[in-house]
Amino acid sequence: MARSLKKGPYIDAKLLKKIKGKKSHSREVIKTWARASQISPEMVGFTFGVHNGKDFISVTIAEEMVGHRLGEFSPTRKFVRHGGKMQKELEAAAKQREAEAAKATKETKE
């Protein structure tokens, strides 16, 4: 749900305070837990370490990111992969077929 226009965008005050005295495009990572904070034009060029619950994910702010939230660029869940034993066997068989096909094309060229 969008925030009321009369209230304006939510930008964490501590975050603005941290970037106030620094220059953009510096290598320094600014750590933050404020995932709900919106990205403002003043933040462009800075690198933020956005906390995902376990680690700080480095996010370099670009012009296209203005208006989005910091949390959008730091996923909290890690996708492992569907499958299991059967999926591994299928992938191994596909890899084997690719290797045989590459070998066959190599022999035909010689």
C-alpha atoms as a PDB file:
ATOM      1  CA  MET A   1       0.000   0.000   0.000  1.00  0.00           C
ATOM      2  CA  ALA A   2       1.316   3.429  -0.912  1.00  0.00           C
ATOM      3  CA  ARG A   3       2.143   6.057   1.649  1.00  0.00           C
ATOM      4  CA  SER A   4      -0.085   9.139   1.783  1.00  0.00           C
ATOM      5  CA  LEU A   5       1.139  11.920  -0.498  1.00  0.00           C
ATOM      6  CA  LYS A   6       0.692  14.539   2.202  1.00  0.00           C
ATOM      7  CA  LYS A   7       3.149  12.661   4.429  1.00  0.00           C
ATOM      8  CA  GLY A   8       5.808  12.350   1.745  1.00  0.00           C
ATOM      9  CA  PRO A   9       8.239   9.461   1.238  1.00  0.00           C
ATOM     10  CA  TYR A  10       9.660   7.607   4.228  1.00  0.00           C
ATOM     11  CA  ILE A  11      13.412   8.134   4.363  1.00  0.00           C
ATOM     12  CA  ASP A  12      15.197   7.100   7.530  1.00  0.00           C
ATOM     13  CA  ALA A  13      16.634  10.173   9.285  1.00  0.00           C
ATOM     14  CA  LYS A  14      19.711   8.289  10.498  1.00  0.00           C
ATOM     15  CA  LEU A  15      20.453   7.222   6.934  1.00  0.00           C
ATOM     16  CA  LEU A  16      20.366  10.807   5.666  1.00  0.00           C
ATOM     17  CA  LYS A  17      22.601  11.817   8.568  1.00  0.00           C
ATOM     18  CA  LYS A  18      25.160   9.153   7.601  1.00  0.00           C
ATOM     19  CA  ILE A  19      25.416  10.305   3.970  1.00  0.00           C
ATOM     20  CA  LYS A  20      25.383  14.043   4.726  1.00  0.00           C
ATOM     21  CA  GLY A  21      29.138  14.560   5.125  1.00  0.00           C
ATOM     22  CA  LYS A  22      30.302  11.966   2.595  1.00  0.00           C
ATOM     23  CA  LYS A  23      30.955  12.118  -1.120  1.00  0.00           C
ATOM     24  CA  SER A  24      29.119   9.856  -3.528  1.00  0.00           C
ATOM     25  CA  HIS A  25      30.957   7.208  -5.576  1.00  0.00           C
ATOM     26  CA  SER A  26      33.266   6.454  -2.654  1.00  0.00           C
ATOM     27  CA  ARG A  27      34.157   2.848  -1.859  1.00  0.00           C
ATOM     28  CA  GLU A  28      32.921   3.093   1.718  1.00  0.00           C
ATOM     29  CA  VAL A  29      29.902   0.904   2.512  1.00  0.00           C
ATOM     30  CA  ILE A  30      27.235   2.496   4.727  1.00  0.00           C
ATOM     31  CA  LYS A  31      25.583  -0.232   6.816  1.00  0.00           C
ATOM     32  CA  THR A  32      21.870   0.043   7.448  1.00  0.00           C
ATOM     33  CA  TRP A  33      18.992  -1.963   8.825  1.00  0.00           C
ATOM     34  CA  ALA A  34      16.407   0.457   7.376  1.00  0.00           C
ATOM     35  CA  ARG A  35      15.033  -1.783   4.621  1.00  0.00           C
ATOM     36  CA  ALA A  36      11.754   0.183   4.506  1.00  0.00           C
ATOM     37  CA  SER A  37      13.492   3.453   3.680  1.00  0.00           C
ATOM     38  CA  GLN A  38      12.860   4.810   0.193  1.00  0.00           C
ATOM     39  CA  ILE A  39      15.774   5.710  -2.050  1.00  0.00           C
ATOM     40  CA  SER A  40      16.040   9.460  -2.598  1.00  0.00           C
ATOM     41  CA  PRO A  41      18.022  11.318  -5.286  1.00  0.00           C
ATOM     42  CA  GLU A  42      20.623  12.345  -2.664  1.00  0.00           C
ATOM     43  CA  MET A  43      21.557   8.661  -2.239  1.00  0.00           C
ATOM     44  CA  VAL A  44      22.608   8.085  -5.873  1.00  0.00           C
ATOM     45  CA  GLY A  45      26.213   6.932  -6.121  1.00  0.00           C
ATOM     46  CA  PHE A  46      26.518   5.667  -2.543  1.00  0.00           C
ATOM     47  CA  THR A  47      27.003   2.020  -1.606  1.00  0.00           C
ATOM     48  CA  PHE A  48      24.779   0.744   1.180  1.00  0.00           C
ATOM     49  CA  GLY A  49      25.131  -2.485   3.103  1.00  0.00           C
ATOM     50  CA  VAL A  50      21.469  -3.488   3.465  1.00  0.00           C
ATOM     51  CA  HIS A  51      20.824  -6.088   6.169  1.00  0.00           C
ATOM     52  CA  ASN A  52      18.849  -9.133   5.033  1.00  0.00           C
ATOM     53  CA  GLY A  53      18.487 -10.749   8.453  1.00  0.00           C
ATOM     54  CA  LYS A  54      21.853 -12.496   8.340  1.00  0.00           C
ATOM     55  CA  ASP A  55      24.366 -10.509   6.274  1.00  0.00           C
ATOM     56  CA  PHE A  56      24.796  -7.067   4.780  1.00  0.00           C
ATOM     57  CA  ILE A  57      24.256  -7.122   1.017  1.00  0.00           C
ATOM     58  CA  SER A  58      26.123  -4.360  -0.861  1.00  0.00           C
ATOM     59  CA  VAL A  59      23.804  -2.234  -2.968  1.00  0.00           C
ATOM     60  CA  THR A  60      25.202   0.549  -5.143  1.00  0.00           C
ATOM     61  CA  ILE A  61      22.451   3.078  -5.769  1.00  0.00           C
ATOM     62  CA  ALA A  62      21.795   4.026  -9.402  1.00  0.00           C
ATOM     63  CA  GLU A  63      19.489   6.656 -10.896  1.00  0.00           C
ATOM     64  CA  GLU A  64      16.842   4.051 -11.819  1.00  0.00           C
ATOM     65  CA  MET A  65      16.473   2.953  -8.176  1.00  0.00           C
ATOM     66  CA  VAL A  66      15.078   6.283  -6.929  1.00  0.00           C
ATOM     67  CA  GLY A  67      11.621   5.770  -5.439  1.00  0.00           C
ATOM     68  CA  HIS A  68      12.136   2.100  -4.621  1.00  0.00           C
ATOM     69  CA  ARG A  69      12.831   0.705  -1.145  1.00  0.00           C
ATOM     70  CA  LEU A  70      16.273  -0.456  -0.010  1.00  0.00           C
ATOM     71  CA  GLY A  71      14.884  -3.861   0.980  1.00  0.00           C
ATOM     72  CA  GLU A  72      13.920  -4.626  -2.626  1.00  0.00           C
ATOM     73  CA  PHE A  73      17.582  -5.032  -3.537  1.00  0.00           C
ATOM     74  CA  SER A  74      18.549  -7.277  -0.611  1.00  0.00           C
ATOM     75  CA  PRO A  75      16.594 -10.574  -0.767  1.00  0.00           C
ATOM     76  CA  THR A  76      15.884 -12.224   2.577  1.00  0.00           C
ATOM     77  CA  ARG A  77      15.305 -15.743   1.243  1.00  0.00           C
ATOM     78  CA  LYS A  78      17.823 -17.878  -0.616  1.00  0.00           C
ATOM     79  CA  PHE A  79      16.508 -20.087  -3.431  1.00  0.00           C
ATOM     80  CA  VAL A  80      18.406 -23.371  -3.308  1.00  0.00           C
ATOM     81  CA  ARG A  81      16.880 -25.378  -6.153  1.00  0.00           C
ATOM     82  CA  HIS A  82      14.012 -27.705  -6.834  1.00  0.00           C
ATOM     83  CA  GLY A  83      14.677 -31.364  -7.332  1.00  0.00           C
ATOM     84  CA  GLY A  84      16.875 -33.536  -5.232  1.00  0.00           C
ATOM     85  CA  LYS A  85      18.440 -36.856  -6.151  1.00  0.00           C
ATOM     86  CA  MET A  86      16.391 -37.337  -9.318  1.00  0.00           C
ATOM     87  CA  GLN A  87      17.158 -33.801 -10.547  1.00  0.00           C
ATOM     88  CA  LYS A  88      20.906 -34.346 -10.009  1.00  0.00           C
ATOM     89  CA  GLU A  89      20.772 -37.534 -12.081  1.00  0.00           C
ATOM     90  CA  LEU A  90      18.974 -35.733 -14.918  1.00  0.00           C
ATOM     91  CA  GLU A  91      21.533 -32.907 -14.893  1.00  0.00           C
ATOM     92  CA  ALA A  92      24.444 -35.370 -14.862  1.00  0.00           C
ATOM     93  CA  ALA A  93      22.954 -37.246 -17.842  1.00  0.00           C
ATOM     94  CA  ALA A  94      22.486 -33.988 -19.764  1.00  0.00           C
ATOM     95  CA  LYS A  95      26.069 -32.992 -19.042  1.00  0.00           C
ATOM     96  CA  GLN A  96      27.292 -36.373 -20.250  1.00  0.00           C
ATOM     97  CA  ARG A  97      25.338 -36.025 -23.527  1.00  0.00           C
ATOM     98  CA  GLU A  98      26.823 -32.558 -24.079  1.00  0.00           C
ATOM     99  CA  ALA A  99      30.348 -33.885 -23.535  1.00  0.00           C
ATOM    100  CA  GLU A 100      29.749 -36.748 -25.994  1.00  0.00           C
ATOM    101  CA  ALA A 101      28.309 -34.365 -28.587  1.00  0.00           C
ATOM    102  CA  ALA A 102      31.286 -32.017 -28.238  1.00  0.00           C
ATOM    103  CA  LYS A 103      33.662 -34.952 -28.609  1.00  0.00           C
ATOM    104  CA  ALA A 104      31.831 -36.185 -31.722  1.00  0.00           C
ATOM    105  CA  THR A 105      31.973 -32.758 -33.395  1.00  0.00           C
ATOM    106  CA  LYS A 106      35.653 -32.480 -32.582  1.00  0.00           C
ATOM    107  CA  GLU A 107      36.381 -35.846 -34.213  1.00  0.00           C
ATOM    108  CA  THR A 108      34.452 -34.952 -37.373  1.00  0.00           C
ATOM    109  CA  LYS A 109      36.463 -31.754 -37.801  1.00  0.00           C
ATOM    110  CA  GLU A 110      39.772 -33.650 -37.726  1.00  0.00           C
END
